[in-house]
């Protein structure tokens, strides 16, 4: 079973989900280059795409990693660690 999630951005095409940031916010990146990052907010009015820098995206993922580690969600932590290494290193 695949847990990969994709969105179609109106200008940049297919985006790949990196991780959930908050309840209604997720971090996405362009599928192939992984150079452009978007904070996607799901609201009653629809999806909102906010472009963010690579360094801000990395910081968001690292904060999420710390949160998962502290809460004891080992499997989620390990999966996100792999994504972090593949995306930012």
N, C-alpha and C. Protein backbone atom coordinates (compact mmCIF):
# COMPACT_ATOMS: atom_id res chain seq x y z
N UNK A 1 0.84 -1.18 0.00
CA UNK A 1 0.00 0.00 0.00
C UNK A 1 0.88 1.25 0.00
N UNK A 2 0.60 2.18 -0.90
CA UNK A 2 1.40 3.39 -1.02
C UNK A 2 0.75 4.52 -0.24
N UNK A 3 1.57 5.27 0.48
CA UNK A 3 1.07 6.43 1.21
C UNK A 3 1.46 7.73 0.54
N UNK A 4 1.92 7.64 -0.71
CA UNK A 4 2.32 8.84 -1.44
C UNK A 4 1.09 9.61 -1.87
N UNK A 5 1.18 10.94 -1.77
CA UNK A 5 0.07 11.81 -2.14
C UNK A 5 0.58 12.86 -3.13
N UNK A 6 -0.22 13.12 -4.13
CA UNK A 6 0.14 14.08 -5.17
C UNK A 6 -0.99 15.09 -5.33
N UNK A 7 -0.63 16.30 -5.72
CA UNK A 7 -1.59 17.37 -6.05
C UNK A 7 -1.18 17.97 -7.38
N UNK A 8 -2.15 18.46 -8.10
CA UNK A 8 -1.85 19.15 -9.35
C UNK A 8 -1.91 20.66 -9.12
N UNK A 9 -0.77 21.31 -9.20
CA UNK A 9 -0.69 22.77 -9.04
C UNK A 9 -1.05 23.40 -10.38
N UNK A 10 -1.82 24.50 -10.36
CA UNK A 10 -2.25 25.10 -11.63
C UNK A 10 -1.11 25.58 -12.53
N UNK A 11 0.03 25.95 -11.97
CA UNK A 11 1.15 26.44 -12.79
C UNK A 11 2.35 25.50 -12.84
N UNK A 12 2.60 24.78 -11.75
CA UNK A 12 3.83 23.99 -11.65
C UNK A 12 3.62 22.50 -11.85
N UNK A 13 2.40 22.08 -12.14
CA UNK A 13 2.15 20.67 -12.42
C UNK A 13 2.05 19.83 -11.17
N UNK A 14 2.50 18.60 -11.30
CA UNK A 14 2.36 17.62 -10.23
C UNK A 14 3.28 17.91 -9.06
N UNK A 15 2.70 17.94 -7.86
CA UNK A 15 3.45 18.15 -6.62
C UNK A 15 3.39 16.88 -5.79
N UNK A 16 4.48 16.61 -5.07
CA UNK A 16 4.62 15.44 -4.21
C UNK A 16 4.52 15.87 -2.76
N UNK A 17 3.73 15.16 -1.97
CA UNK A 17 3.57 15.48 -0.55
C UNK A 17 4.80 15.04 0.23
N UNK A 18 5.41 15.99 0.93
CA UNK A 18 6.57 15.69 1.78
C UNK A 18 6.08 15.22 3.15
N UNK A 19 5.24 16.03 3.80
CA UNK A 19 4.71 15.66 5.11
C UNK A 19 3.59 16.59 5.53
N UNK A 20 2.87 16.17 6.54
CA UNK A 20 1.87 17.01 7.18
C UNK A 20 2.61 17.94 8.14
N UNK A 21 2.22 19.21 8.15
CA UNK A 21 2.85 20.19 9.03
C UNK A 21 1.95 20.44 10.25
N UNK A 22 0.69 20.71 9.99
CA UNK A 22 -0.31 20.89 11.03
C UNK A 22 -1.58 20.19 10.57
N UNK A 23 -2.67 20.34 11.33
CA UNK A 23 -3.90 19.65 10.99
C UNK A 23 -4.37 19.91 9.57
N UNK A 24 -4.34 21.14 9.14
CA UNK A 24 -4.86 21.46 7.81
C UNK A 24 -3.77 21.95 6.85
N UNK A 25 -2.50 21.72 7.21
CA UNK A 25 -1.39 22.16 6.36
C UNK A 25 -0.45 21.01 6.06
N UNK A 26 -0.04 20.97 4.79
CA UNK A 26 0.91 19.96 4.35
C UNK A 26 1.97 20.62 3.49
N UNK A 27 3.15 20.02 3.49
CA UNK A 27 4.27 20.52 2.70
C UNK A 27 4.38 19.68 1.43
N UNK A 28 4.41 20.36 0.28
CA UNK A 28 4.56 19.70 -1.00
C UNK A 28 5.76 20.27 -1.73
N UNK A 29 6.31 19.48 -2.65
CA UNK A 29 7.41 19.94 -3.50
C UNK A 29 7.13 19.50 -4.93
N UNK A 30 7.79 20.17 -5.88
CA UNK A 30 7.64 19.76 -7.27
C UNK A 30 8.16 18.33 -7.41
N UNK A 31 7.50 17.56 -8.22
CA UNK A 31 7.75 16.13 -8.27
C UNK A 31 9.18 15.78 -8.70
N UNK A 32 9.68 16.37 -9.75
CA UNK A 32 10.95 15.92 -10.29
C UNK A 32 12.16 16.68 -9.75
N UNK A 33 12.12 17.97 -9.77
CA UNK A 33 13.30 18.74 -9.35
C UNK A 33 13.39 18.88 -7.83
N UNK A 34 12.27 18.86 -7.14
CA UNK A 34 12.23 19.06 -5.69
C UNK A 34 13.00 20.32 -5.29
N UNK A 35 12.76 21.38 -6.06
CA UNK A 35 13.40 22.65 -5.79
C UNK A 35 12.41 23.70 -5.30
N UNK A 36 11.16 23.58 -5.73
CA UNK A 36 10.12 24.51 -5.32
C UNK A 36 9.25 23.84 -4.27
N UNK A 37 8.98 24.55 -3.20
CA UNK A 37 8.19 24.00 -2.11
C UNK A 37 6.96 24.86 -1.87
N UNK A 38 5.88 24.20 -1.46
CA UNK A 38 4.62 24.87 -1.22
C UNK A 38 4.02 24.39 0.09
N UNK A 39 3.53 25.33 0.88
CA UNK A 39 2.74 25.01 2.05
C UNK A 39 1.30 25.04 1.57
N UNK A 40 0.63 23.89 1.62
CA UNK A 40 -0.73 23.78 1.11
C UNK A 40 -1.68 23.72 2.29
N UNK A 41 -2.61 24.66 2.32
CA UNK A 41 -3.60 24.73 3.39
C UNK A 41 -4.95 24.32 2.81
N UNK A 42 -5.59 23.38 3.49
CA UNK A 42 -6.91 22.93 3.10
C UNK A 42 -7.93 23.65 3.96
N UNK A 43 -8.75 24.49 3.33
CA UNK A 43 -9.76 25.26 4.06
C UNK A 43 -11.13 25.03 3.42
N UNK A 44 -12.18 25.50 4.07
CA UNK A 44 -13.52 25.34 3.47
C UNK A 44 -13.66 26.00 2.10
N UNK A 45 -12.84 27.00 1.82
CA UNK A 45 -12.90 27.66 0.51
C UNK A 45 -12.03 26.98 -0.54
N UNK A 46 -11.30 25.95 -0.17
CA UNK A 46 -10.46 25.21 -1.12
C UNK A 46 -9.01 25.18 -0.69
N UNK A 47 -8.16 24.76 -1.61
CA UNK A 47 -6.72 24.66 -1.34
C UNK A 47 -6.04 25.99 -1.58
N UNK A 48 -5.10 26.31 -0.69
CA UNK A 48 -4.29 27.53 -0.84
C UNK A 48 -2.83 27.10 -0.95
N UNK A 49 -2.16 27.51 -2.01
CA UNK A 49 -0.76 27.18 -2.25
C UNK A 49 0.09 28.38 -1.89
N UNK A 50 0.97 28.22 -0.90
CA UNK A 50 1.88 29.30 -0.51
C UNK A 50 3.31 28.86 -0.79
N UNK A 51 4.00 29.49 -1.73
CA UNK A 51 5.39 29.11 -2.00
C UNK A 51 6.27 29.47 -0.80
N UNK A 52 7.19 28.56 -0.47
CA UNK A 52 8.14 28.82 0.62
C UNK A 52 9.53 28.43 0.15
N UNK A 53 10.53 28.94 0.83
CA UNK A 53 11.92 28.66 0.46
C UNK A 53 12.31 27.23 0.85
N UNK A 54 13.36 26.77 0.22
CA UNK A 54 13.89 25.43 0.53
C UNK A 54 14.32 25.35 2.00
N UNK A 55 14.94 26.41 2.51
CA UNK A 55 15.39 26.40 3.91
C UNK A 55 14.21 26.38 4.87
N UNK A 56 13.14 27.12 4.55
CA UNK A 56 11.94 27.08 5.39
C UNK A 56 11.28 25.70 5.35
N UNK A 57 11.26 25.09 4.16
CA UNK A 57 10.69 23.75 4.03
C UNK A 57 11.50 22.75 4.86
N UNK A 58 12.80 22.86 4.78
CA UNK A 58 13.67 21.96 5.56
C UNK A 58 13.42 22.13 7.06
N UNK A 59 13.31 23.37 7.49
CA UNK A 59 13.04 23.65 8.90
C UNK A 59 11.71 23.04 9.33
N UNK A 60 10.68 23.16 8.50
CA UNK A 60 9.37 22.58 8.83
C UNK A 60 9.44 21.06 8.98
N UNK A 61 10.20 20.42 8.09
CA UNK A 61 10.35 18.96 8.17
C UNK A 61 11.12 18.59 9.43
N UNK A 62 12.16 19.33 9.77
CA UNK A 62 12.93 19.03 10.97
C UNK A 62 12.10 19.22 12.24
N UNK A 63 11.25 20.23 12.26
CA UNK A 63 10.34 20.43 13.40
C UNK A 63 9.37 19.26 13.50
N UNK A 64 8.85 18.84 12.35
CA UNK A 64 7.93 17.69 12.34
C UNK A 64 8.64 16.43 12.82
N UNK A 65 9.88 16.24 12.43
CA UNK A 65 10.66 15.09 12.90
C UNK A 65 10.80 15.09 14.42
N UNK A 66 11.12 16.25 14.99
CA UNK A 66 11.25 16.35 16.44
C UNK A 66 9.92 16.03 17.13
N UNK A 67 8.82 16.54 16.57
CA UNK A 67 7.50 16.29 17.14
C UNK A 67 7.18 14.80 17.12
N UNK A 68 7.45 14.14 16.01
CA UNK A 68 7.18 12.70 15.90
C UNK A 68 8.05 11.90 16.87
N UNK A 69 9.32 12.28 17.00
CA UNK A 69 10.23 11.58 17.90
C UNK A 69 9.77 11.72 19.35
N UNK A 70 9.38 12.93 19.73
CA UNK A 70 8.92 13.17 21.11
C UNK A 70 7.62 12.44 21.43
N UNK A 71 6.75 12.31 20.43
CA UNK A 71 5.47 11.65 20.67
C UNK A 71 5.56 10.14 20.57
N UNK A 72 6.73 9.62 20.21
CA UNK A 72 6.93 8.17 20.16
C UNK A 72 6.38 7.50 18.92
N UNK A 73 6.11 8.25 17.88
CA UNK A 73 5.60 7.68 16.63
C UNK A 73 6.78 7.24 15.77
N UNK A 74 7.36 6.12 16.14
CA UNK A 74 8.61 5.64 15.56
C UNK A 74 8.50 5.37 14.07
N UNK A 75 7.44 4.70 13.64
CA UNK A 75 7.30 4.36 12.23
C UNK A 75 7.16 5.63 11.37
N UNK A 76 6.33 6.57 11.80
CA UNK A 76 6.17 7.83 11.07
C UNK A 76 7.49 8.60 11.05
N UNK A 77 8.21 8.59 12.17
CA UNK A 77 9.50 9.28 12.27
C UNK A 77 10.49 8.69 11.26
N UNK A 78 10.57 7.37 11.22
CA UNK A 78 11.53 6.72 10.32
C UNK A 78 11.20 6.98 8.85
N UNK A 79 9.91 6.97 8.51
CA UNK A 79 9.51 7.26 7.13
C UNK A 79 9.85 8.70 6.74
N UNK A 80 9.58 9.63 7.65
CA UNK A 80 9.88 11.03 7.36
C UNK A 80 11.39 11.28 7.32
N UNK A 81 12.14 10.56 8.12
CA UNK A 81 13.60 10.68 8.10
C UNK A 81 14.15 10.31 6.72
N UNK A 82 13.61 9.26 6.13
CA UNK A 82 14.02 8.85 4.79
C UNK A 82 13.70 9.93 3.77
N UNK A 83 12.49 10.47 3.86
CA UNK A 83 12.07 11.55 2.95
C UNK A 83 12.96 12.77 3.14
N UNK A 84 13.28 13.10 4.39
CA UNK A 84 14.15 14.25 4.68
C UNK A 84 15.52 14.06 4.03
N UNK A 85 16.09 12.89 4.20
CA UNK A 85 17.42 12.64 3.62
C UNK A 85 17.38 12.69 2.10
N UNK A 86 16.35 12.11 1.50
CA UNK A 86 16.23 12.07 0.05
C UNK A 86 15.98 13.47 -0.53
N UNK A 87 15.26 14.31 0.20
CA UNK A 87 14.88 15.62 -0.32
C UNK A 87 15.93 16.69 -0.05
N UNK A 88 16.56 16.67 1.13
CA UNK A 88 17.41 17.79 1.54
C UNK A 88 18.90 17.48 1.61
N UNK A 89 19.32 16.25 1.39
CA UNK A 89 20.75 15.95 1.52
C UNK A 89 21.32 15.40 0.26
